[in-house]
């Protein structure tokens, strides 16, 4: 994968991930979280060690949504997802910026991180009367 294609894909993903537009990653998450907030509206003192089975289903749904968007952005840059992943892995060994980028993208796939974000969103929505 050429450096130009890699950079174009990284820029597109960064714009999506950190952007403030209606179709940004943050807005995508908020819409998704609003759709499922009742499920994640846990009361204080709830044992989060035992997760509801539905959490896993919702997590998988979000992962599919997120991965589809990332693949779309990569393909628009002129590369396949496989090429992009391989290029990121190779460059992350020597390039700190790429390494950090990869860590940010991978963090979205972390179940515990997802769960904490969903619970926090539900809690915030609940206290704000949304």
N, C-alpha and C. Protein backbone atom coordinates (compact mmCIF):
# COMPACT_ATOMS: atom_id res chain seq x y z
N UNK A 1 0.86 -1.18 0.00
CA UNK A 1 0.00 0.00 0.00
C UNK A 1 0.90 1.24 0.00
N UNK A 2 0.59 2.17 -0.86
CA UNK A 2 1.42 3.37 -0.94
C UNK A 2 1.24 4.25 0.29
N UNK A 3 2.25 5.05 0.54
CA UNK A 3 2.20 5.99 1.67
C UNK A 3 1.02 6.95 1.51
N UNK A 4 0.78 7.39 0.27
CA UNK A 4 -0.32 8.32 0.02
C UNK A 4 -1.67 7.71 0.36
N UNK A 5 -1.87 6.46 -0.05
CA UNK A 5 -3.14 5.79 0.25
C UNK A 5 -3.30 5.57 1.75
N UNK A 6 -2.21 5.16 2.39
CA UNK A 6 -2.26 4.95 3.84
C UNK A 6 -2.61 6.25 4.55
N UNK A 7 -1.94 7.32 4.17
CA UNK A 7 -2.21 8.61 4.82
C UNK A 7 -3.63 9.09 4.52
N UNK A 8 -4.10 8.89 3.30
CA UNK A 8 -5.46 9.29 2.94
C UNK A 8 -6.49 8.53 3.78
N UNK A 9 -6.26 7.24 3.96
CA UNK A 9 -7.18 6.43 4.77
C UNK A 9 -7.13 6.87 6.23
N UNK A 10 -5.93 7.09 6.75
CA UNK A 10 -5.80 7.54 8.14
C UNK A 10 -6.46 8.89 8.35
N UNK A 11 -6.29 9.80 7.39
CA UNK A 11 -6.91 11.12 7.50
C UNK A 11 -8.44 11.01 7.48
N UNK A 12 -8.96 10.18 6.59
CA UNK A 12 -10.41 10.01 6.50
C UNK A 12 -10.97 9.42 7.80
N UNK A 13 -10.28 8.45 8.35
CA UNK A 13 -10.73 7.83 9.60
C UNK A 13 -10.62 8.82 10.75
N UNK A 14 -9.54 9.58 10.80
CA UNK A 14 -9.39 10.59 11.85
C UNK A 14 -10.49 11.64 11.77
N UNK A 15 -10.79 12.09 10.54
CA UNK A 15 -11.87 13.07 10.36
C UNK A 15 -13.19 12.51 10.85
N UNK A 16 -13.45 11.26 10.54
CA UNK A 16 -14.67 10.60 10.99
C UNK A 16 -14.67 10.45 12.51
N UNK A 17 -13.58 9.94 13.04
CA UNK A 17 -13.49 9.62 14.46
C UNK A 17 -13.55 10.86 15.34
N UNK A 18 -12.84 11.91 14.94
CA UNK A 18 -12.74 13.11 15.78
C UNK A 18 -13.59 14.27 15.28
N UNK A 19 -14.27 14.08 14.17
CA UNK A 19 -15.05 15.16 13.57
C UNK A 19 -16.26 15.55 14.39
N UNK A 20 -16.85 16.66 14.00
CA UNK A 20 -18.02 17.16 14.71
C UNK A 20 -19.25 17.21 13.80
N UNK A 21 -19.12 16.66 12.61
CA UNK A 21 -20.24 16.70 11.67
C UNK A 21 -21.32 15.71 12.09
N UNK A 22 -22.44 15.79 11.41
CA UNK A 22 -23.58 14.93 11.71
C UNK A 22 -23.27 13.45 11.49
N UNK A 23 -22.32 13.16 10.62
CA UNK A 23 -21.98 11.75 10.35
C UNK A 23 -20.62 11.36 10.95
N UNK A 24 -20.21 12.07 12.00
CA UNK A 24 -18.94 11.75 12.67
C UNK A 24 -19.09 10.50 13.53
N UNK A 25 -17.97 9.99 13.96
CA UNK A 25 -17.98 8.82 14.84
C UNK A 25 -18.69 9.10 16.15
N UNK A 26 -18.48 10.29 16.68
CA UNK A 26 -19.14 10.65 17.94
C UNK A 26 -20.66 10.67 17.77
N UNK A 27 -21.12 11.26 16.68
CA UNK A 27 -22.56 11.31 16.44
C UNK A 27 -23.12 9.91 16.18
N UNK A 28 -22.35 9.09 15.47
CA UNK A 28 -22.78 7.72 15.22
C UNK A 28 -22.94 6.98 16.55
N UNK A 29 -21.96 7.16 17.45
CA UNK A 29 -22.04 6.51 18.75
C UNK A 29 -23.24 7.02 19.55
N UNK A 30 -23.44 8.33 19.56
CA UNK A 30 -24.55 8.90 20.33
C UNK A 30 -25.90 8.37 19.85
N UNK A 31 -26.08 8.31 18.54
CA UNK A 31 -27.33 7.78 17.99
C UNK A 31 -27.51 6.32 18.40
N UNK A 32 -26.44 5.57 18.29
CA UNK A 32 -26.49 4.16 18.66
C UNK A 32 -26.77 4.01 20.15
N UNK A 33 -26.06 4.78 20.96
CA UNK A 33 -26.22 4.70 22.41
C UNK A 33 -27.63 5.12 22.84
N UNK A 34 -28.18 6.13 22.18
CA UNK A 34 -29.55 6.55 22.50
C UNK A 34 -30.55 5.44 22.21
N UNK A 35 -30.31 4.74 21.13
CA UNK A 35 -31.19 3.64 20.73
C UNK A 35 -31.21 2.53 21.79
N UNK A 36 -30.10 2.34 22.50
CA UNK A 36 -29.96 1.22 23.44
C UNK A 36 -29.81 1.66 24.89
N UNK A 37 -30.06 2.92 25.19
CA UNK A 37 -29.74 3.44 26.52
C UNK A 37 -30.51 2.77 27.65
N UNK A 38 -31.74 2.34 27.41
CA UNK A 38 -32.50 1.71 28.49
C UNK A 38 -31.83 0.43 28.98
N UNK A 39 -31.25 -0.30 28.07
CA UNK A 39 -30.58 -1.55 28.42
C UNK A 39 -29.38 -1.30 29.33
N UNK A 40 -28.71 -0.18 29.14
CA UNK A 40 -27.48 0.12 29.88
C UNK A 40 -27.70 1.07 31.06
N UNK A 41 -28.94 1.36 31.35
CA UNK A 41 -29.27 2.25 32.45
C UNK A 41 -29.23 1.45 33.75
N UNK A 42 -28.03 1.32 34.30
CA UNK A 42 -27.85 0.51 35.51
C UNK A 42 -27.88 1.42 36.73
N UNK A 43 -28.38 0.89 37.81
CA UNK A 43 -28.45 1.67 39.04
C UNK A 43 -27.13 1.60 39.77
N UNK A 44 -26.89 2.60 40.59
CA UNK A 44 -25.65 2.64 41.36
C UNK A 44 -25.58 1.40 42.24
N UNK A 45 -24.41 0.83 42.32
CA UNK A 45 -24.22 -0.37 43.13
C UNK A 45 -24.47 -1.66 42.37
N UNK A 46 -24.88 -1.56 41.10
CA UNK A 46 -25.10 -2.76 40.30
C UNK A 46 -23.77 -3.44 40.04
N UNK A 47 -23.76 -4.74 40.18
CA UNK A 47 -22.54 -5.51 39.95
C UNK A 47 -22.31 -5.63 38.45
N UNK A 48 -21.35 -4.88 37.94
CA UNK A 48 -21.08 -4.90 36.50
C UNK A 48 -20.18 -6.07 36.11
N UNK A 49 -19.81 -6.89 37.07
CA UNK A 49 -19.03 -8.08 36.75
C UNK A 49 -19.88 -9.09 35.98
N UNK A 50 -21.17 -9.10 36.27
CA UNK A 50 -22.08 -10.00 35.57
C UNK A 50 -22.86 -9.17 34.55
N UNK A 51 -22.45 -9.26 33.32
CA UNK A 51 -23.07 -8.47 32.27
C UNK A 51 -24.28 -9.19 31.70
N UNK A 52 -25.24 -8.41 31.30
CA UNK A 52 -26.41 -8.97 30.65
C UNK A 52 -25.98 -9.55 29.30
N UNK A 53 -26.59 -10.64 28.92
CA UNK A 53 -26.29 -11.26 27.63
C UNK A 53 -26.57 -10.29 26.49
N UNK A 54 -27.58 -9.45 26.66
CA UNK A 54 -27.92 -8.48 25.62
C UNK A 54 -26.78 -7.50 25.35
N UNK A 55 -25.95 -7.24 26.37
CA UNK A 55 -24.81 -6.33 26.18
C UNK A 55 -23.92 -6.83 25.04
N UNK A 56 -23.69 -8.13 25.01
CA UNK A 56 -22.83 -8.71 23.99
C UNK A 56 -23.44 -8.54 22.60
N UNK A 57 -24.74 -8.74 22.51
CA UNK A 57 -25.41 -8.57 21.22
C UNK A 57 -25.32 -7.13 20.73
N UNK A 58 -25.52 -6.19 21.63
CA UNK A 58 -25.45 -4.77 21.27
C UNK A 58 -24.02 -4.40 20.90
N UNK A 59 -23.06 -4.93 21.63
CA UNK A 59 -21.65 -4.71 21.34
C UNK A 59 -21.32 -5.19 19.92
N UNK A 60 -21.77 -6.39 19.60
CA UNK A 60 -21.51 -6.94 18.26
C UNK A 60 -22.16 -6.08 17.18
N UNK A 61 -23.35 -5.59 17.46
CA UNK A 61 -24.05 -4.72 16.51
C UNK A 61 -23.25 -3.44 16.27
N UNK A 62 -22.74 -2.85 17.35
CA UNK A 62 -21.95 -1.63 17.20
C UNK A 62 -20.65 -1.91 16.46
N UNK A 63 -20.00 -3.02 16.77
CA UNK A 63 -18.75 -3.35 16.09
C UNK A 63 -18.97 -3.49 14.59
N UNK A 64 -20.05 -4.11 14.21
CA UNK A 64 -20.37 -4.26 12.79
C UNK A 64 -20.58 -2.89 12.15
N UNK A 65 -21.32 -2.03 12.82
CA UNK A 65 -21.58 -0.68 12.33
C UNK A 65 -20.27 0.09 12.16
N UNK A 66 -19.43 0.05 13.19
CA UNK A 66 -18.16 0.78 13.18
C UNK A 66 -17.21 0.22 12.12
N UNK A 67 -17.07 -1.08 12.07
CA UNK A 67 -16.16 -1.71 11.11
C UNK A 67 -16.60 -1.44 9.67
N UNK A 68 -17.89 -1.46 9.44
CA UNK A 68 -18.41 -1.17 8.10
C UNK A 68 -18.04 0.24 7.67
N UNK A 69 -18.16 1.19 8.59
CA UNK A 69 -17.82 2.58 8.29
C UNK A 69 -16.32 2.72 8.02
N UNK A 70 -15.49 2.08 8.83
CA UNK A 70 -14.04 2.15 8.64
C UNK A 70 -13.66 1.54 7.29
N UNK A 71 -14.24 0.39 6.97
CA UNK A 71 -13.95 -0.26 5.69
C UNK A 71 -14.35 0.64 4.53
N UNK A 72 -15.48 1.30 4.65
CA UNK A 72 -15.95 2.22 3.62
C UNK A 72 -14.94 3.35 3.42
N UNK A 73 -14.45 3.92 4.51
CA UNK A 73 -13.48 5.01 4.42
C UNK A 73 -12.16 4.55 3.81
N UNK A 74 -11.72 3.37 4.18
CA UNK A 74 -10.47 2.82 3.63
C UNK A 74 -10.62 2.58 2.13
N UNK A 75 -11.74 1.99 1.74
CA UNK A 75 -11.95 1.70 0.32
C UNK A 75 -12.05 2.98 -0.50
N UNK A 76 -12.61 4.04 0.07
CA UNK A 76 -12.67 5.32 -0.63
C UNK A 76 -11.28 5.89 -0.88
N UNK A 77 -10.32 5.50 -0.05
CA UNK A 77 -8.95 5.98 -0.23
C UNK A 77 -8.21 5.17 -1.29
N UNK A 78 -8.85 4.13 -1.79
CA UNK A 78 -8.25 3.34 -2.86
C UNK A 78 -7.52 2.10 -2.41
N UNK A 79 -7.79 1.64 -1.20
CA UNK A 79 -7.12 0.45 -0.69
C UNK A 79 -8.14 -0.53 -0.14
N UNK A 80 -7.72 -1.76 0.01
CA UNK A 80 -8.59 -2.75 0.64
C UNK A 80 -8.34 -2.71 2.15
N UNK A 81 -9.27 -3.25 2.89
CA UNK A 81 -9.12 -3.31 4.35
C UNK A 81 -7.89 -4.12 4.73
N UNK A 82 -7.65 -5.20 4.00
CA UNK A 82 -6.51 -6.06 4.29
C UNK A 82 -5.19 -5.30 4.08
N UNK A 83 -5.10 -4.56 2.97
CA UNK A 83 -3.90 -3.77 2.71
C UNK A 83 -3.69 -2.73 3.80
N UNK A 84 -4.77 -2.11 4.20
CA UNK A 84 -4.70 -1.06 5.22
C UNK A 84 -4.20 -1.62 6.55
N UNK A 85 -4.76 -2.74 6.97
CA UNK A 85 -4.36 -3.35 8.24
C UNK A 85 -2.89 -3.75 8.20
N UNK A 86 -2.47 -4.37 7.12
CA UNK A 86 -1.07 -4.79 6.99
C UNK A 86 -0.13 -3.58 7.00
N UNK A 87 -0.51 -2.53 6.30
CA UNK A 87 0.32 -1.32 6.26
C UNK A 87 0.40 -0.68 7.65
N UNK A 88 -0.72 -0.65 8.36
CA UNK A 88 -0.71 -0.09 9.72
C UNK A 88 0.19 -0.90 10.64
N UNK A 89 0.06 -2.20 10.58
CA UNK A 89 0.90 -3.06 11.43
C UNK A 89 2.38 -2.83 11.15
N UNK A 90 2.73 -2.79 9.88
CA UNK A 90 4.14 -2.61 9.51
C UNK A 90 4.66 -1.24 9.95
N UNK A 91 3.89 -0.20 9.66
CA UNK A 91 4.34 1.16 10.00
C UNK A 91 4.32 1.43 11.49
N UNK A 92 3.43 0.77 12.22
CA UNK A 92 3.34 1.04 13.66
C UNK A 92 4.58 0.59 14.41
N UNK A 93 5.38 -0.25 13.79
CA UNK A 93 6.62 -0.72 14.43
C UNK A 93 7.69 0.37 14.46
N UNK A 94 7.59 1.32 13.53
CA UNK A 94 8.62 2.35 13.44
C UNK A 94 8.08 3.78 13.53
N UNK A 95 6.78 3.94 13.48
CA UNK A 95 6.18 5.27 13.43
C UNK A 95 5.23 5.44 14.62
N UNK A 96 5.60 6.30 15.55
CA UNK A 96 4.80 6.50 16.76
C UNK A 96 3.40 7.04 16.47
N UNK A 97 3.28 7.90 15.46
CA UNK A 97 1.97 8.45 15.10
C UNK A 97 1.03 7.34 14.63
N UNK A 98 1.55 6.45 13.81
CA UNK A 98 0.75 5.33 13.31
C UNK A 98 0.43 4.37 14.46
N UNK A 99 1.39 4.17 15.34
CA UNK A 99 1.16 3.29 16.49
C UNK A 99 0.02 3.83 17.36
N UNK A 100 0.03 5.14 17.62
CA UNK A 100 -1.02 5.75 18.43
C UNK A 100 -2.37 5.68 17.70
N UNK A 101 -2.36 5.93 16.40
CA UNK A 101 -3.57 5.84 15.59
C UNK A 101 -4.17 4.44 15.70
N UNK A 102 -3.33 3.44 15.56
CA UNK A 102 -3.77 2.05 15.64
C UNK A 102 -4.35 1.73 17.02
N UNK A 103 -3.72 2.22 18.06
CA UNK A 103 -4.21 1.99 19.42
C UNK A 103 -5.59 2.62 19.63
N UNK A 104 -5.80 3.80 19.08
CA UNK A 104 -7.10 4.47 19.20
C UNK A 104 -8.18 3.67 18.49
N UNK A 105 -7.89 3.23 17.28
CA UNK A 105 -8.87 2.47 16.51
C UNK A 105 -9.17 1.13 17.20
N UNK A 106 -8.14 0.48 17.69
CA UNK A 106 -8.33 -0.81 18.35
C UNK A 106 -9.12 -0.64 19.66
N UNK A 107 -8.96 0.50 20.32
CA UNK A 107 -9.67 0.71 21.59
C UNK A 107 -11.18 0.68 21.41
N UNK A 108 -11.65 1.02 20.23
CA UNK A 108 -13.09 0.98 19.96
C UNK A 108 -13.59 -0.46 20.02
N UNK A 109 -12.73 -1.40 19.70
CA UNK A 109 -13.12 -2.80 19.70
C UNK A 109 -13.09 -3.43 21.09
N UNK A 110 -12.63 -2.70 22.08
CA UNK A 110 -12.53 -3.23 23.44
C UNK A 110 -13.92 -3.29 24.09
N UNK A 111 -14.34 -4.48 24.47
CA UNK A 111 -15.67 -4.67 25.05
C UNK A 111 -15.86 -3.86 26.33
N UNK A 112 -14.90 -3.90 27.21
CA UNK A 112 -15.03 -3.19 28.49
C UNK A 112 -15.14 -1.69 28.27
N UNK A 113 -14.36 -1.17 27.36
CA UNK A 113 -14.42 0.25 27.02
C UNK A 113 -15.81 0.60 26.46
N UNK A 114 -16.31 -0.22 25.56
CA UNK A 114 -17.64 -0.02 24.99
C UNK A 114 -18.70 -0.02 26.09
N UNK A 115 -18.62 -0.99 26.97
CA UNK A 115 -19.60 -1.12 28.05
C UNK A 115 -19.59 0.13 28.95
N UNK A 116 -18.41 0.59 29.31
CA UNK A 116 -18.30 1.78 30.16
C UNK A 116 -18.87 3.01 29.46
N UNK A 117 -18.61 3.14 28.17
CA UNK A 117 -19.15 4.28 27.42
C UNK A 117 -20.67 4.22 27.34
N UNK A 118 -21.22 3.03 27.14
CA UNK A 118 -22.67 2.89 27.04
C UNK A 118 -23.34 3.18 28.39
N UNK A 119 -22.77 2.68 29.47
CA UNK A 119 -23.32 2.94 30.80
C UNK A 119 -23.22 4.43 31.12
N UNK A 120 -22.09 5.04 30.80
CA UNK A 120 -21.93 6.48 31.06
C UNK A 120 -22.94 7.28 30.25
N UNK A 121 -23.15 6.90 29.01
CA UNK A 121 -24.12 7.62 28.17
C UNK A 121 -25.53 7.46 28.73
N UNK A 122 -25.88 6.26 29.12
CA UNK A 122 -27.21 6.02 29.68
C UNK A 122 -27.40 6.82 30.97
N UNK A 123 -26.36 6.86 31.78
CA UNK A 123 -26.43 7.60 33.04
C UNK A 123 -26.58 9.09 32.79
N UNK A 124 -25.81 9.61 31.85
CA UNK A 124 -25.89 11.03 31.50
C UNK A 124 -27.26 11.36 30.91
N UNK A 125 -27.74 10.50 30.05
CA UNK A 125 -29.06 10.71 29.44
C UNK A 125 -30.15 10.69 30.50
N UNK A 126 -29.99 9.79 31.46
CA UNK A 126 -30.98 9.65 32.53
C UNK A 126 -31.02 10.90 33.41
N UNK A 127 -29.84 11.40 33.78
CA UNK A 127 -29.78 12.58 34.66
C UNK A 127 -30.18 13.85 33.93
N UNK A 128 -30.05 13.86 32.61
CA UNK A 128 -30.42 15.04 31.83
C UNK A 128 -31.87 14.95 31.35
N UNK A 129 -32.53 13.84 31.65
CA UNK A 129 -33.92 13.68 31.26
C UNK A 129 -34.13 13.44 29.79
N UNK A 130 -33.14 12.84 29.13
CA UNK A 130 -33.24 12.59 27.69
C UNK A 130 -34.08 11.37 27.41
